[in-house]
Amino acid sequence: MSTESIANVTVTTRANVYFDGKCVSHNITYPDGTKKSVGVVLPSTLTFNTGAPEIMECVGGACEYKLAGTDTWVTSGPGEKFSVPGNSKFDIRVADAYHYVCHFG
């Protein structure tokens, strides 16, 4: 089951806009200081670089992703997650809007 709502958080109202608007997200912070982002990737093929490890949770739509060092595209749909190591990168391709929660770890 995917995350449908997040209560009791602080939302940064200014959006993070990447790749000429193909990815838009907002940062959220929990009372304990935990940070996540929620956003959408519009139809495109993009490459993201990571600093900290990330877990990408699909809450709507779907994507295909390919982690650095692999040649295999894997599908991720609603309720599914995939992990990306820190200081790495991943390719993502989206045919319809992919709605996500990014958990930083």
N, C-alpha and C. Protein backbone atom coordinates (compact mmCIF):
# COMPACT_ATOMS: atom_id res chain seq x y z
N MET A 1 0.85 -1.18 0.00
CA MET A 1 0.00 0.00 0.00
C MET A 1 0.89 1.24 0.00
N SER A 2 0.56 2.19 -0.80
CA SER A 2 1.37 3.40 -0.90
C SER A 2 0.86 4.48 0.04
N THR A 3 1.73 5.43 0.33
CA THR A 3 1.40 6.56 1.19
C THR A 3 0.37 7.44 0.49
N GLU A 4 -0.75 7.70 1.15
CA GLU A 4 -1.79 8.54 0.56
C GLU A 4 -1.79 9.95 1.12
N SER A 5 -1.37 10.10 2.37
CA SER A 5 -1.27 11.43 2.96
C SER A 5 -0.21 11.38 4.06
N ILE A 6 0.31 12.56 4.40
CA ILE A 6 1.34 12.66 5.43
C ILE A 6 0.89 13.77 6.37
N ALA A 7 0.67 13.43 7.63
CA ALA A 7 0.17 14.40 8.61
C ALA A 7 1.32 14.97 9.44
N ASN A 8 1.08 16.16 9.99
CA ASN A 8 1.97 16.78 10.97
C ASN A 8 3.39 17.01 10.46
N VAL A 9 3.50 17.55 9.26
CA VAL A 9 4.81 17.86 8.70
C VAL A 9 4.86 19.33 8.29
N THR A 10 6.06 19.82 8.10
CA THR A 10 6.26 21.15 7.55
C THR A 10 6.57 20.99 6.07
N VAL A 11 5.89 21.74 5.23
CA VAL A 11 6.07 21.67 3.78
C VAL A 11 6.76 22.95 3.31
N THR A 12 7.82 22.79 2.53
CA THR A 12 8.45 23.93 1.88
C THR A 12 7.60 24.29 0.68
N THR A 13 7.04 25.48 0.68
CA THR A 13 6.07 25.83 -0.36
C THR A 13 6.70 26.12 -1.71
N ARG A 14 7.96 26.52 -1.73
CA ARG A 14 8.63 26.75 -3.01
C ARG A 14 9.04 25.39 -3.58
N ALA A 15 8.63 25.11 -4.80
CA ALA A 15 8.88 23.82 -5.42
C ALA A 15 10.33 23.69 -5.89
N ASN A 16 10.81 22.44 -5.89
CA ASN A 16 12.07 22.09 -6.54
C ASN A 16 11.69 21.71 -7.97
N VAL A 17 12.21 22.42 -8.95
CA VAL A 17 11.87 22.16 -10.35
C VAL A 17 13.14 21.72 -11.06
N TYR A 18 13.11 20.52 -11.62
CA TYR A 18 14.27 19.93 -12.29
C TYR A 18 13.94 19.62 -13.75
N PHE A 19 14.97 19.54 -14.55
CA PHE A 19 14.84 19.09 -15.94
C PHE A 19 13.74 19.85 -16.68
N ASP A 20 13.84 21.20 -16.62
CA ASP A 20 12.89 22.06 -17.35
C ASP A 20 11.44 21.75 -17.02
N GLY A 21 11.17 21.42 -15.75
CA GLY A 21 9.81 21.18 -15.31
C GLY A 21 9.33 19.75 -15.46
N LYS A 22 10.19 18.85 -15.89
CA LYS A 22 9.77 17.45 -16.04
C LYS A 22 9.70 16.73 -14.69
N CYS A 23 10.32 17.30 -13.66
CA CYS A 23 10.23 16.79 -12.30
C CYS A 23 10.02 17.97 -11.36
N VAL A 24 8.97 17.88 -10.56
CA VAL A 24 8.66 18.94 -9.59
C VAL A 24 8.38 18.27 -8.25
N SER A 25 9.02 18.78 -7.19
CA SER A 25 8.81 18.20 -5.87
C SER A 25 8.77 19.28 -4.80
N HIS A 26 8.30 18.89 -3.63
CA HIS A 26 8.29 19.75 -2.45
C HIS A 26 8.97 18.99 -1.32
N ASN A 27 9.79 19.70 -0.53
CA ASN A 27 10.43 19.11 0.63
C ASN A 27 9.46 19.12 1.80
N ILE A 28 9.49 18.04 2.57
CA ILE A 28 8.71 17.99 3.80
C ILE A 28 9.65 17.60 4.93
N THR A 29 9.36 18.11 6.12
CA THR A 29 10.16 17.81 7.30
C THR A 29 9.23 17.36 8.42
N TYR A 30 9.55 16.23 9.02
CA TYR A 30 8.79 15.69 10.14
C TYR A 30 9.23 16.38 11.43
N PRO A 31 8.40 16.32 12.48
CA PRO A 31 8.77 16.94 13.75
C PRO A 31 10.12 16.47 14.30
N ASP A 32 10.51 15.22 14.00
CA ASP A 32 11.80 14.70 14.49
C ASP A 32 12.98 15.10 13.61
N GLY A 33 12.72 15.89 12.55
CA GLY A 33 13.78 16.35 11.67
C GLY A 33 13.97 15.51 10.41
N THR A 34 13.29 14.37 10.31
CA THR A 34 13.38 13.52 9.12
C THR A 34 12.90 14.31 7.91
N LYS A 35 13.64 14.21 6.81
CA LYS A 35 13.29 14.93 5.59
C LYS A 35 12.94 13.96 4.47
N LYS A 36 11.93 14.33 3.70
CA LYS A 36 11.50 13.57 2.52
C LYS A 36 11.10 14.58 1.46
N SER A 37 10.83 14.11 0.28
CA SER A 37 10.22 14.98 -0.72
C SER A 37 9.08 14.22 -1.38
N VAL A 38 8.10 14.98 -1.84
CA VAL A 38 6.98 14.41 -2.58
C VAL A 38 6.90 15.14 -3.91
N GLY A 39 6.67 14.39 -4.97
CA GLY A 39 6.67 15.06 -6.27
C GLY A 39 6.12 14.21 -7.38
N VAL A 40 6.35 14.70 -8.58
CA VAL A 40 5.88 14.03 -9.78
C VAL A 40 6.95 14.17 -10.87
N VAL A 41 7.13 13.09 -11.62
CA VAL A 41 7.96 13.11 -12.82
C VAL A 41 7.00 12.97 -14.00
N LEU A 42 7.06 13.93 -14.92
CA LEU A 42 6.22 13.89 -16.11
C LEU A 42 6.89 13.05 -17.20
N PRO A 43 6.15 12.66 -18.24
CA PRO A 43 6.72 11.78 -19.26
C PRO A 43 8.07 12.27 -19.77
N SER A 44 9.08 11.41 -19.61
CA SER A 44 10.46 11.75 -19.98
C SER A 44 11.37 10.58 -19.63
N THR A 45 12.63 10.72 -20.01
CA THR A 45 13.71 9.83 -19.56
C THR A 45 14.77 10.73 -18.97
N LEU A 46 15.08 10.54 -17.68
CA LEU A 46 15.96 11.43 -16.94
C LEU A 46 17.01 10.64 -16.17
N THR A 47 18.09 11.32 -15.79
CA THR A 47 19.11 10.74 -14.93
C THR A 47 19.23 11.59 -13.68
N PHE A 48 19.05 10.97 -12.52
CA PHE A 48 19.17 11.64 -11.23
C PHE A 48 20.44 11.20 -10.53
N ASN A 49 21.11 12.14 -9.90
CA ASN A 49 22.27 11.85 -9.05
C ASN A 49 21.81 11.90 -7.60
N THR A 50 22.38 11.04 -6.77
CA THR A 50 22.02 11.02 -5.36
C THR A 50 23.21 11.45 -4.51
N GLY A 51 22.91 12.09 -3.39
CA GLY A 51 23.90 12.37 -2.36
C GLY A 51 23.75 11.30 -1.30
N ALA A 52 22.66 11.39 -0.54
CA ALA A 52 22.32 10.39 0.46
C ALA A 52 21.60 9.23 -0.22
N PRO A 53 21.58 8.06 0.41
CA PRO A 53 20.76 6.96 -0.12
C PRO A 53 19.30 7.40 -0.18
N GLU A 54 18.56 6.88 -1.15
CA GLU A 54 17.16 7.23 -1.33
C GLU A 54 16.32 5.98 -1.51
N ILE A 55 15.09 6.06 -1.05
CA ILE A 55 14.08 5.05 -1.38
C ILE A 55 12.97 5.80 -2.10
N MET A 56 12.71 5.39 -3.31
CA MET A 56 11.65 6.00 -4.12
C MET A 56 10.40 5.14 -4.00
N GLU A 57 9.32 5.76 -3.48
CA GLU A 57 8.05 5.07 -3.29
C GLU A 57 7.05 5.59 -4.30
N CYS A 58 6.50 4.71 -5.11
CA CYS A 58 5.49 5.10 -6.09
C CYS A 58 4.13 5.20 -5.41
N VAL A 59 3.49 6.37 -5.53
CA VAL A 59 2.16 6.57 -4.97
C VAL A 59 1.11 6.77 -6.06
N GLY A 60 1.53 6.79 -7.32
CA GLY A 60 0.61 6.91 -8.44
C GLY A 60 1.37 6.82 -9.74
N GLY A 61 0.72 6.26 -10.75
CA GLY A 61 1.40 6.09 -12.04
C GLY A 61 2.41 4.96 -11.96
N ALA A 62 3.45 5.05 -12.77
CA ALA A 62 4.49 4.03 -12.79
C ALA A 62 5.72 4.60 -13.47
N CYS A 63 6.83 3.92 -13.27
CA CYS A 63 8.07 4.28 -13.95
C CYS A 63 8.87 3.03 -14.23
N GLU A 64 9.88 3.19 -15.03
CA GLU A 64 10.91 2.18 -15.18
C GLU A 64 12.19 2.85 -14.72
N TYR A 65 13.03 2.12 -14.01
CA TYR A 65 14.28 2.68 -13.53
C TYR A 65 15.42 1.72 -13.79
N LYS A 66 16.61 2.29 -13.85
CA LYS A 66 17.83 1.51 -14.07
C LYS A 66 18.89 2.11 -13.16
N LEU A 67 19.39 1.31 -12.22
CA LEU A 67 20.41 1.77 -11.30
C LEU A 67 21.77 1.85 -11.99
N ALA A 68 22.64 2.71 -11.49
CA ALA A 68 24.00 2.83 -12.04
C ALA A 68 24.68 1.46 -12.00
N GLY A 69 25.38 1.14 -13.07
CA GLY A 69 26.11 -0.12 -13.15
C GLY A 69 25.28 -1.29 -13.62
N THR A 70 24.01 -1.07 -13.93
CA THR A 70 23.17 -2.16 -14.44
C THR A 70 22.65 -1.79 -15.83
N ASP A 71 22.22 -2.79 -16.55
CA ASP A 71 21.65 -2.57 -17.87
C ASP A 71 20.17 -2.93 -17.91
N THR A 72 19.60 -3.25 -16.75
CA THR A 72 18.24 -3.75 -16.68
C THR A 72 17.26 -2.67 -16.23
N TRP A 73 16.23 -2.46 -17.03
CA TRP A 73 15.14 -1.55 -16.64
C TRP A 73 14.15 -2.36 -15.81
N VAL A 74 13.70 -1.81 -14.68
CA VAL A 74 12.77 -2.47 -13.76
C VAL A 74 11.56 -1.56 -13.61
N THR A 75 10.36 -2.14 -13.62
CA THR A 75 9.13 -1.36 -13.48
C THR A 75 8.78 -1.21 -12.00
N SER A 76 8.32 -0.01 -11.63
CA SER A 76 7.85 0.27 -10.27
C SER A 76 6.49 0.95 -10.38
N GLY A 77 5.47 0.35 -9.73
CA GLY A 77 4.12 0.89 -9.78
C GLY A 77 3.62 1.24 -8.39
N PRO A 78 2.36 1.63 -8.27
CA PRO A 78 1.80 2.06 -6.99
C PRO A 78 2.04 1.04 -5.87
N GLY A 79 2.53 1.57 -4.74
CA GLY A 79 2.81 0.72 -3.58
C GLY A 79 4.18 0.08 -3.61
N GLU A 80 4.90 0.23 -4.71
CA GLU A 80 6.24 -0.37 -4.83
C GLU A 80 7.31 0.67 -4.56
N LYS A 81 8.47 0.19 -4.11
CA LYS A 81 9.60 1.07 -3.79
C LYS A 81 10.86 0.51 -4.42
N PHE A 82 11.82 1.40 -4.66
CA PHE A 82 13.15 0.94 -5.03
C PHE A 82 14.19 1.81 -4.33
N SER A 83 15.33 1.19 -4.04
CA SER A 83 16.39 1.86 -3.29
C SER A 83 17.53 2.24 -4.22
N VAL A 84 18.10 3.42 -3.95
CA VAL A 84 19.23 3.93 -4.71
C VAL A 84 20.34 4.24 -3.71
N PRO A 85 21.55 3.72 -3.93
CA PRO A 85 22.65 4.01 -3.01
C PRO A 85 23.01 5.50 -3.01
N GLY A 86 23.65 5.94 -1.94
CA GLY A 86 24.15 7.31 -1.88
C GLY A 86 25.31 7.50 -2.84
N ASN A 87 25.54 8.73 -3.24
CA ASN A 87 26.62 9.08 -4.16
C ASN A 87 26.59 8.20 -5.40
N SER A 88 25.42 8.06 -5.97
CA SER A 88 25.22 7.22 -7.15
C SER A 88 24.31 7.96 -8.12
N LYS A 89 23.71 7.21 -9.03
CA LYS A 89 22.74 7.80 -9.95
C LYS A 89 21.80 6.71 -10.43
N PHE A 90 20.68 7.15 -11.00
CA PHE A 90 19.76 6.21 -11.61
C PHE A 90 19.05 6.89 -12.77
N ASP A 91 18.70 6.09 -13.76
CA ASP A 91 17.90 6.55 -14.89
C ASP A 91 16.45 6.21 -14.60
N ILE A 92 15.56 7.08 -15.00
CA ILE A 92 14.14 6.82 -14.84
C ILE A 92 13.44 7.21 -16.13
N ARG A 93 12.52 6.37 -16.55
CA ARG A 93 11.70 6.73 -17.72
C ARG A 93 10.24 6.55 -17.36
N VAL A 94 9.47 7.54 -17.79
CA VAL A 94 8.08 7.65 -17.39
C VAL A 94 7.24 7.89 -18.64
N ALA A 95 6.18 7.08 -18.80
CA ALA A 95 5.27 7.25 -19.93
C ALA A 95 4.09 8.14 -19.55
N ASP A 96 3.59 8.00 -18.33
CA ASP A 96 2.54 8.85 -17.78
C ASP A 96 3.10 9.41 -16.47
N ALA A 97 2.43 10.34 -15.86
CA ALA A 97 2.95 10.95 -14.63
C ALA A 97 3.24 9.90 -13.56
N TYR A 98 4.43 10.01 -12.94
CA TYR A 98 4.88 9.13 -11.86
C TYR A 98 4.90 9.97 -10.59
N HIS A 99 4.02 9.66 -9.65
CA HIS A 99 3.92 10.39 -8.38
C HIS A 99 4.71 9.61 -7.34
N TYR A 100 5.52 10.31 -6.55
CA TYR A 100 6.41 9.60 -5.63
C TYR A 100 6.59 10.31 -4.30
N VAL A 101 7.06 9.53 -3.34
CA VAL A 101 7.62 10.03 -2.09
C VAL A 101 9.07 9.57 -2.08
N CYS A 102 10.00 10.48 -1.90
CA CYS A 102 11.42 10.14 -1.82
C CYS A 102 11.81 10.16 -0.34
N HIS A 103 12.21 9.00 0.15
CA HIS A 103 12.65 8.84 1.53
C HIS A 103 14.18 8.91 1.54
N PHE A 104 14.74 9.88 2.22
CA PHE A 104 16.19 10.02 2.28
C PHE A 104 16.70 9.22 3.47
N GLY A 105 17.82 8.52 3.27
CA GLY A 105 18.29 7.69 4.38
C GLY A 105 19.74 7.74 4.53
